[in-house]
């Protein structure tokens, strides 16, 4: 009983802190949101242990498998490094039917480098989800940094 309550409390705290609003704070990450998120985008309000458990199950069930996350990540970085504005790249997993498309929408100067706005669409287990992300590369920094507002 104590173990179950501890697990539920941990899940509740994780969801409460993960879903909290930070106002206009801008944070940068090294991973694309589309490679780490679930394709599930509709959740119940977290007002009970049951709803937290249901939301966690939905999130976990629709999270991309490792091989598909790697394909999405490869497509994302290929697009950022090689594709012109308005062009796209796609990937498809023949075994699961999972697929994704990444399109570079725009590029603009930022600080000592530049940023690119990218649209992604993922299809997994009959669910489709769109992502809009901004990634920036600056002189003196290795790789891309994904900006989240």
C-alpha atoms as a PDB file:
ATOM      1  CA  UNK A   1       0.000   0.000   0.000  1.00  0.00           C
ATOM      2  CA  UNK A   2       2.796   2.424   0.915  1.00  0.00           C
ATOM      3  CA  UNK A   3       4.683   1.564  -2.287  1.00  0.00           C
ATOM      4  CA  UNK A   4       1.591   2.180  -4.425  1.00  0.00           C
ATOM      5  CA  UNK A   5       0.906   5.521  -2.732  1.00  0.00           C
ATOM      6  CA  UNK A   6       4.567   6.494  -3.166  1.00  0.00           C
ATOM      7  CA  UNK A   7       4.477   5.700  -6.877  1.00  0.00           C
ATOM      8  CA  UNK A   8       1.233   7.622  -7.370  1.00  0.00           C
ATOM      9  CA  UNK A   9       2.608  10.588  -5.428  1.00  0.00           C
ATOM     10  CA  UNK A  10       5.770  10.565  -7.561  1.00  0.00           C
ATOM     11  CA  UNK A  11       3.692  10.523 -10.753  1.00  0.00           C
ATOM     12  CA  UNK A  12       1.528  13.350  -9.474  1.00  0.00           C
ATOM     13  CA  UNK A  13       4.541  15.506  -8.604  1.00  0.00           C
ATOM     14  CA  UNK A  14       6.132  14.748 -11.988  1.00  0.00           C
ATOM     15  CA  UNK A  15       3.030  15.807 -13.874  1.00  0.00           C
ATOM     16  CA  UNK A  16       2.377  18.858 -11.707  1.00  0.00           C
ATOM     17  CA  UNK A  17       5.896  20.207 -12.159  1.00  0.00           C
ATOM     18  CA  UNK A  18       6.166  19.159 -15.807  1.00  0.00           C
ATOM     19  CA  UNK A  19       2.901  20.837 -16.762  1.00  0.00           C
ATOM     20  CA  UNK A  20       3.350  24.044 -14.807  1.00  0.00           C
ATOM     21  CA  UNK A  21       3.417  27.365 -16.586  1.00  0.00           C
ATOM     22  CA  UNK A  22       6.597  29.400 -16.621  1.00  0.00           C
ATOM     23  CA  UNK A  23       5.179  32.565 -18.129  1.00  0.00           C
ATOM     24  CA  UNK A  24       7.301  34.044 -20.911  1.00  0.00           C
ATOM     25  CA  UNK A  25      10.493  32.293 -19.883  1.00  0.00           C
ATOM     26  CA  UNK A  26      12.543  31.003 -22.818  1.00  0.00           C
ATOM     27  CA  UNK A  27      14.499  27.801 -22.309  1.00  0.00           C
ATOM     28  CA  UNK A  28      16.874  26.039 -24.655  1.00  0.00           C
ATOM     29  CA  UNK A  29      17.278  22.291 -24.988  1.00  0.00           C
ATOM     30  CA  UNK A  30      19.591  20.053 -26.950  1.00  0.00           C
ATOM     31  CA  UNK A  31      16.759  17.697 -27.977  1.00  0.00           C
ATOM     32  CA  UNK A  32      13.903  18.325 -30.343  1.00  0.00           C
ATOM     33  CA  UNK A  33      10.490  18.261 -28.674  1.00  0.00           C
ATOM     34  CA  UNK A  34       9.177  16.045 -31.484  1.00  0.00           C
ATOM     35  CA  UNK A  35      11.728  13.325 -30.674  1.00  0.00           C
ATOM     36  CA  UNK A  36      11.002  13.192 -26.957  1.00  0.00           C
ATOM     37  CA  UNK A  37       7.232  13.766 -26.818  1.00  0.00           C
ATOM     38  CA  UNK A  38       4.280  11.466 -27.104  1.00  0.00           C
ATOM     39  CA  UNK A  39       2.095  11.600 -30.199  1.00  0.00           C
ATOM     40  CA  UNK A  40      -0.845  11.779 -27.778  1.00  0.00           C
ATOM     41  CA  UNK A  41      -1.797  15.422 -27.364  1.00  0.00           C
ATOM     42  CA  UNK A  42      -5.096  15.374 -25.452  1.00  0.00           C
ATOM     43  CA  UNK A  43      -5.101  14.634 -21.761  1.00  0.00           C
ATOM     44  CA  UNK A  44      -7.542  14.777 -18.856  1.00  0.00           C
ATOM     45  CA  UNK A  45      -7.195  17.414 -16.135  1.00  0.00           C
ATOM     46  CA  UNK A  46      -4.851  16.127 -13.404  1.00  0.00           C
ATOM     47  CA  UNK A  47      -7.393  16.442 -10.592  1.00  0.00           C
ATOM     48  CA  UNK A  48      -7.198  12.864  -9.241  1.00  0.00           C
ATOM     49  CA  UNK A  49      -4.838   9.914  -8.973  1.00  0.00           C
ATOM     50  CA  UNK A  50      -6.895   8.098 -11.597  1.00  0.00           C
ATOM     51  CA  UNK A  51      -6.608  10.905 -14.153  1.00  0.00           C
ATOM     52  CA  UNK A  52      -2.849  11.168 -13.519  1.00  0.00           C
ATOM     53  CA  UNK A  53      -2.512   7.435 -14.093  1.00  0.00           C
ATOM     54  CA  UNK A  54      -4.680   7.589 -17.241  1.00  0.00           C
ATOM     55  CA  UNK A  55      -2.620  10.481 -18.624  1.00  0.00           C
ATOM     56  CA  UNK A  56       0.655   8.710 -17.871  1.00  0.00           C
ATOM     57  CA  UNK A  57      -0.627   5.562 -19.615  1.00  0.00           C
ATOM     58  CA  UNK A  58      -1.705   7.565 -22.687  1.00  0.00           C
ATOM     59  CA  UNK A  59       1.625   9.375 -22.811  1.00  0.00           C
ATOM     60  CA  UNK A  60       3.604   6.145 -22.482  1.00  0.00           C
ATOM     61  CA  UNK A  61       1.444   4.197 -24.968  1.00  0.00           C
ATOM     62  CA  UNK A  62       1.869   6.831 -27.698  1.00  0.00           C
ATOM     63  CA  UNK A  63       5.532   7.637 -27.110  1.00  0.00           C
ATOM     64  CA  UNK A  64       7.643   6.734 -30.140  1.00  0.00           C
ATOM     65  CA  UNK A  65       9.776   3.585 -29.883  1.00  0.00           C
ATOM     66  CA  UNK A  66      13.550   4.142 -29.841  1.00  0.00           C
ATOM     67  CA  UNK A  67      14.035   3.256 -33.522  1.00  0.00           C
ATOM     68  CA  UNK A  68      11.357   5.768 -34.587  1.00  0.00           C
ATOM     69  CA  UNK A  69      12.733   8.462 -32.256  1.00  0.00           C
ATOM     70  CA  UNK A  70      16.131   7.961 -33.896  1.00  0.00           C
ATOM     71  CA  UNK A  71      14.567   8.307 -37.362  1.00  0.00           C
ATOM     72  CA  UNK A  72      12.770  11.511 -36.338  1.00  0.00           C
ATOM     73  CA  UNK A  73      15.937  12.910 -34.785  1.00  0.00           C
ATOM     74  CA  UNK A  74      17.965  12.081 -37.906  1.00  0.00           C
ATOM     75  CA  UNK A  75      15.344  13.753 -40.129  1.00  0.00           C
ATOM     76  CA  UNK A  76      15.255  16.827 -37.866  1.00  0.00           C
ATOM     77  CA  UNK A  77      19.017  17.374 -37.903  1.00  0.00           C
ATOM     78  CA  UNK A  78      19.232  16.611 -41.624  1.00  0.00           C
ATOM     79  CA  UNK A  79      16.581  19.277 -42.258  1.00  0.00           C
ATOM     80  CA  UNK A  80      18.295  21.835 -40.036  1.00  0.00           C
ATOM     81  CA  UNK A  81      21.699  21.269 -41.651  1.00  0.00           C
ATOM     82  CA  UNK A  82      20.796  20.712 -45.305  1.00  0.00           C
ATOM     83  CA  UNK A  83      17.328  21.801 -46.374  1.00  0.00           C
ATOM     84  CA  UNK A  84      16.302  25.157 -47.821  1.00  0.00           C
ATOM     85  CA  UNK A  85      13.299  27.086 -46.501  1.00  0.00           C
ATOM     86  CA  UNK A  86      10.061  25.557 -47.763  1.00  0.00           C
ATOM     87  CA  UNK A  87      11.567  22.100 -48.417  1.00  0.00           C
ATOM     88  CA  UNK A  88      10.941  18.966 -46.379  1.00  0.00           C
ATOM     89  CA  UNK A  89      12.294  15.500 -45.646  1.00  0.00           C
ATOM     90  CA  UNK A  90      10.381  12.378 -44.599  1.00  0.00           C
ATOM     91  CA  UNK A  91      10.975   8.999 -43.016  1.00  0.00           C
ATOM     92  CA  UNK A  92       8.914   5.803 -42.817  1.00  0.00           C
ATOM     93  CA  UNK A  93       9.231   2.645 -40.709  1.00  0.00           C
ATOM     94  CA  UNK A  94       8.053  -0.322 -42.836  1.00  0.00           C
ATOM     95  CA  UNK A  95       7.664  -2.574 -39.784  1.00  0.00           C
ATOM     96  CA  UNK A  96       5.322  -0.347 -37.762  1.00  0.00           C
ATOM     97  CA  UNK A  97       3.917   2.109 -40.298  1.00  0.00           C
ATOM     98  CA  UNK A  98       5.173   4.984 -38.166  1.00  0.00           C
ATOM     99  CA  UNK A  99       6.251   7.994 -40.230  1.00  0.00           C
ATOM    100  CA  UNK A 100       7.235  11.610 -39.979  1.00  0.00           C
ATOM    101  CA  UNK A 101       7.877  14.716 -42.036  1.00  0.00           C
ATOM    102  CA  UNK A 102      10.102  17.688 -41.176  1.00  0.00           C
ATOM    103  CA  UNK A 103       9.847  20.997 -43.056  1.00  0.00           C
ATOM    104  CA  UNK A 104      12.012  24.086 -42.589  1.00  0.00           C
ATOM    105  CA  UNK A 105       9.702  27.112 -42.623  1.00  0.00           C
ATOM    106  CA  UNK A 106      12.091  30.017 -42.154  1.00  0.00           C
ATOM    107  CA  UNK A 107      15.617  31.058 -41.199  1.00  0.00           C
ATOM    108  CA  UNK A 108      16.577  34.296 -39.462  1.00  0.00           C
ATOM    109  CA  UNK A 109      19.720  35.808 -37.900  1.00  0.00           C
ATOM    110  CA  UNK A 110      20.038  35.610 -34.128  1.00  0.00           C
ATOM    111  CA  UNK A 111      22.983  36.891 -32.096  1.00  0.00           C
ATOM    112  CA  UNK A 112      26.204  35.496 -33.537  1.00  0.00           C
ATOM    113  CA  UNK A 113      24.383  32.804 -35.491  1.00  0.00           C
ATOM    114  CA  UNK A 114      20.960  32.006 -36.869  1.00  0.00           C
ATOM    115  CA  UNK A 115      17.709  30.222 -36.032  1.00  0.00           C
ATOM    116  CA  UNK A 116      15.428  28.018 -38.096  1.00  0.00           C
ATOM    117  CA  UNK A 117      11.716  27.429 -37.595  1.00  0.00           C
ATOM    118  CA  UNK A 118      10.753  23.823 -38.298  1.00  0.00           C
ATOM    119  CA  UNK A 119       7.372  22.090 -38.600  1.00  0.00           C
ATOM    120  CA  UNK A 120       7.179  18.353 -37.903  1.00  0.00           C
ATOM    121  CA  UNK A 121       4.340  15.878 -38.304  1.00  0.00           C
ATOM    122  CA  UNK A 122       4.404  12.431 -36.695  1.00  0.00           C
ATOM    123  CA  UNK A 123       2.015   9.535 -37.329  1.00  0.00           C
ATOM    124  CA  UNK A 124       2.071   6.656 -34.836  1.00  0.00           C
ATOM    125  CA  UNK A 125      -0.588   4.095 -33.861  1.00  0.00           C
ATOM    126  CA  UNK A 126      -3.282   5.984 -35.731  1.00  0.00           C
ATOM    127  CA  UNK A 127      -2.487   9.286 -34.007  1.00  0.00           C
ATOM    128  CA  UNK A 128      -1.085  12.329 -35.773  1.00  0.00           C
ATOM    129  CA  UNK A 129       0.617  15.236 -34.018  1.00  0.00           C
ATOM    130  CA  UNK A 130       2.158  18.427 -35.355  1.00  0.00           C
ATOM    131  CA  UNK A 131       5.076  20.237 -33.746  1.00  0.00           C
ATOM    132  CA  UNK A 132       6.445  23.740 -34.370  1.00  0.00           C
ATOM    133  CA  UNK A 133       9.975  24.229 -33.094  1.00  0.00           C
ATOM    134  CA  UNK A 134      12.731  26.793 -33.296  1.00  0.00           C
ATOM    135  CA  UNK A 135      16.357  25.674 -33.313  1.00  0.00           C
ATOM    136  CA  UNK A 136      19.336  28.038 -33.111  1.00  0.00           C
ATOM    137  CA  UNK A 137      23.002  27.647 -33.893  1.00  0.00           C
ATOM    138  CA  UNK A 138      25.534  30.178 -32.636  1.00  0.00           C
ATOM    139  CA  UNK A 139      29.188  30.719 -33.419  1.00  0.00           C
ATOM    140  CA  UNK A 140      31.261  29.075 -30.709  1.00  0.00           C
ATOM    141  CA  UNK A 141      28.576  26.551 -29.733  1.00  0.00           C
ATOM    142  CA  UNK A 142      28.488  23.015 -31.046  1.00  0.00           C
ATOM    143  CA  UNK A 143      25.189  21.789 -32.468  1.00  0.00           C
ATOM    144  CA  UNK A 144      21.653  23.089 -32.399  1.00  0.00           C
ATOM    145  CA  UNK A 145      19.737  24.389 -29.388  1.00  0.00           C
ATOM    146  CA  UNK A 146      15.978  24.049 -29.436  1.00  0.00           C
ATOM    147  CA  UNK A 147      14.171  27.048 -27.979  1.00  0.00           C
ATOM    148  CA  UNK A 148      10.918  26.565 -26.070  1.00  0.00           C
ATOM    149  CA  UNK A 149       8.723  29.464 -25.027  1.00  0.00           C
END
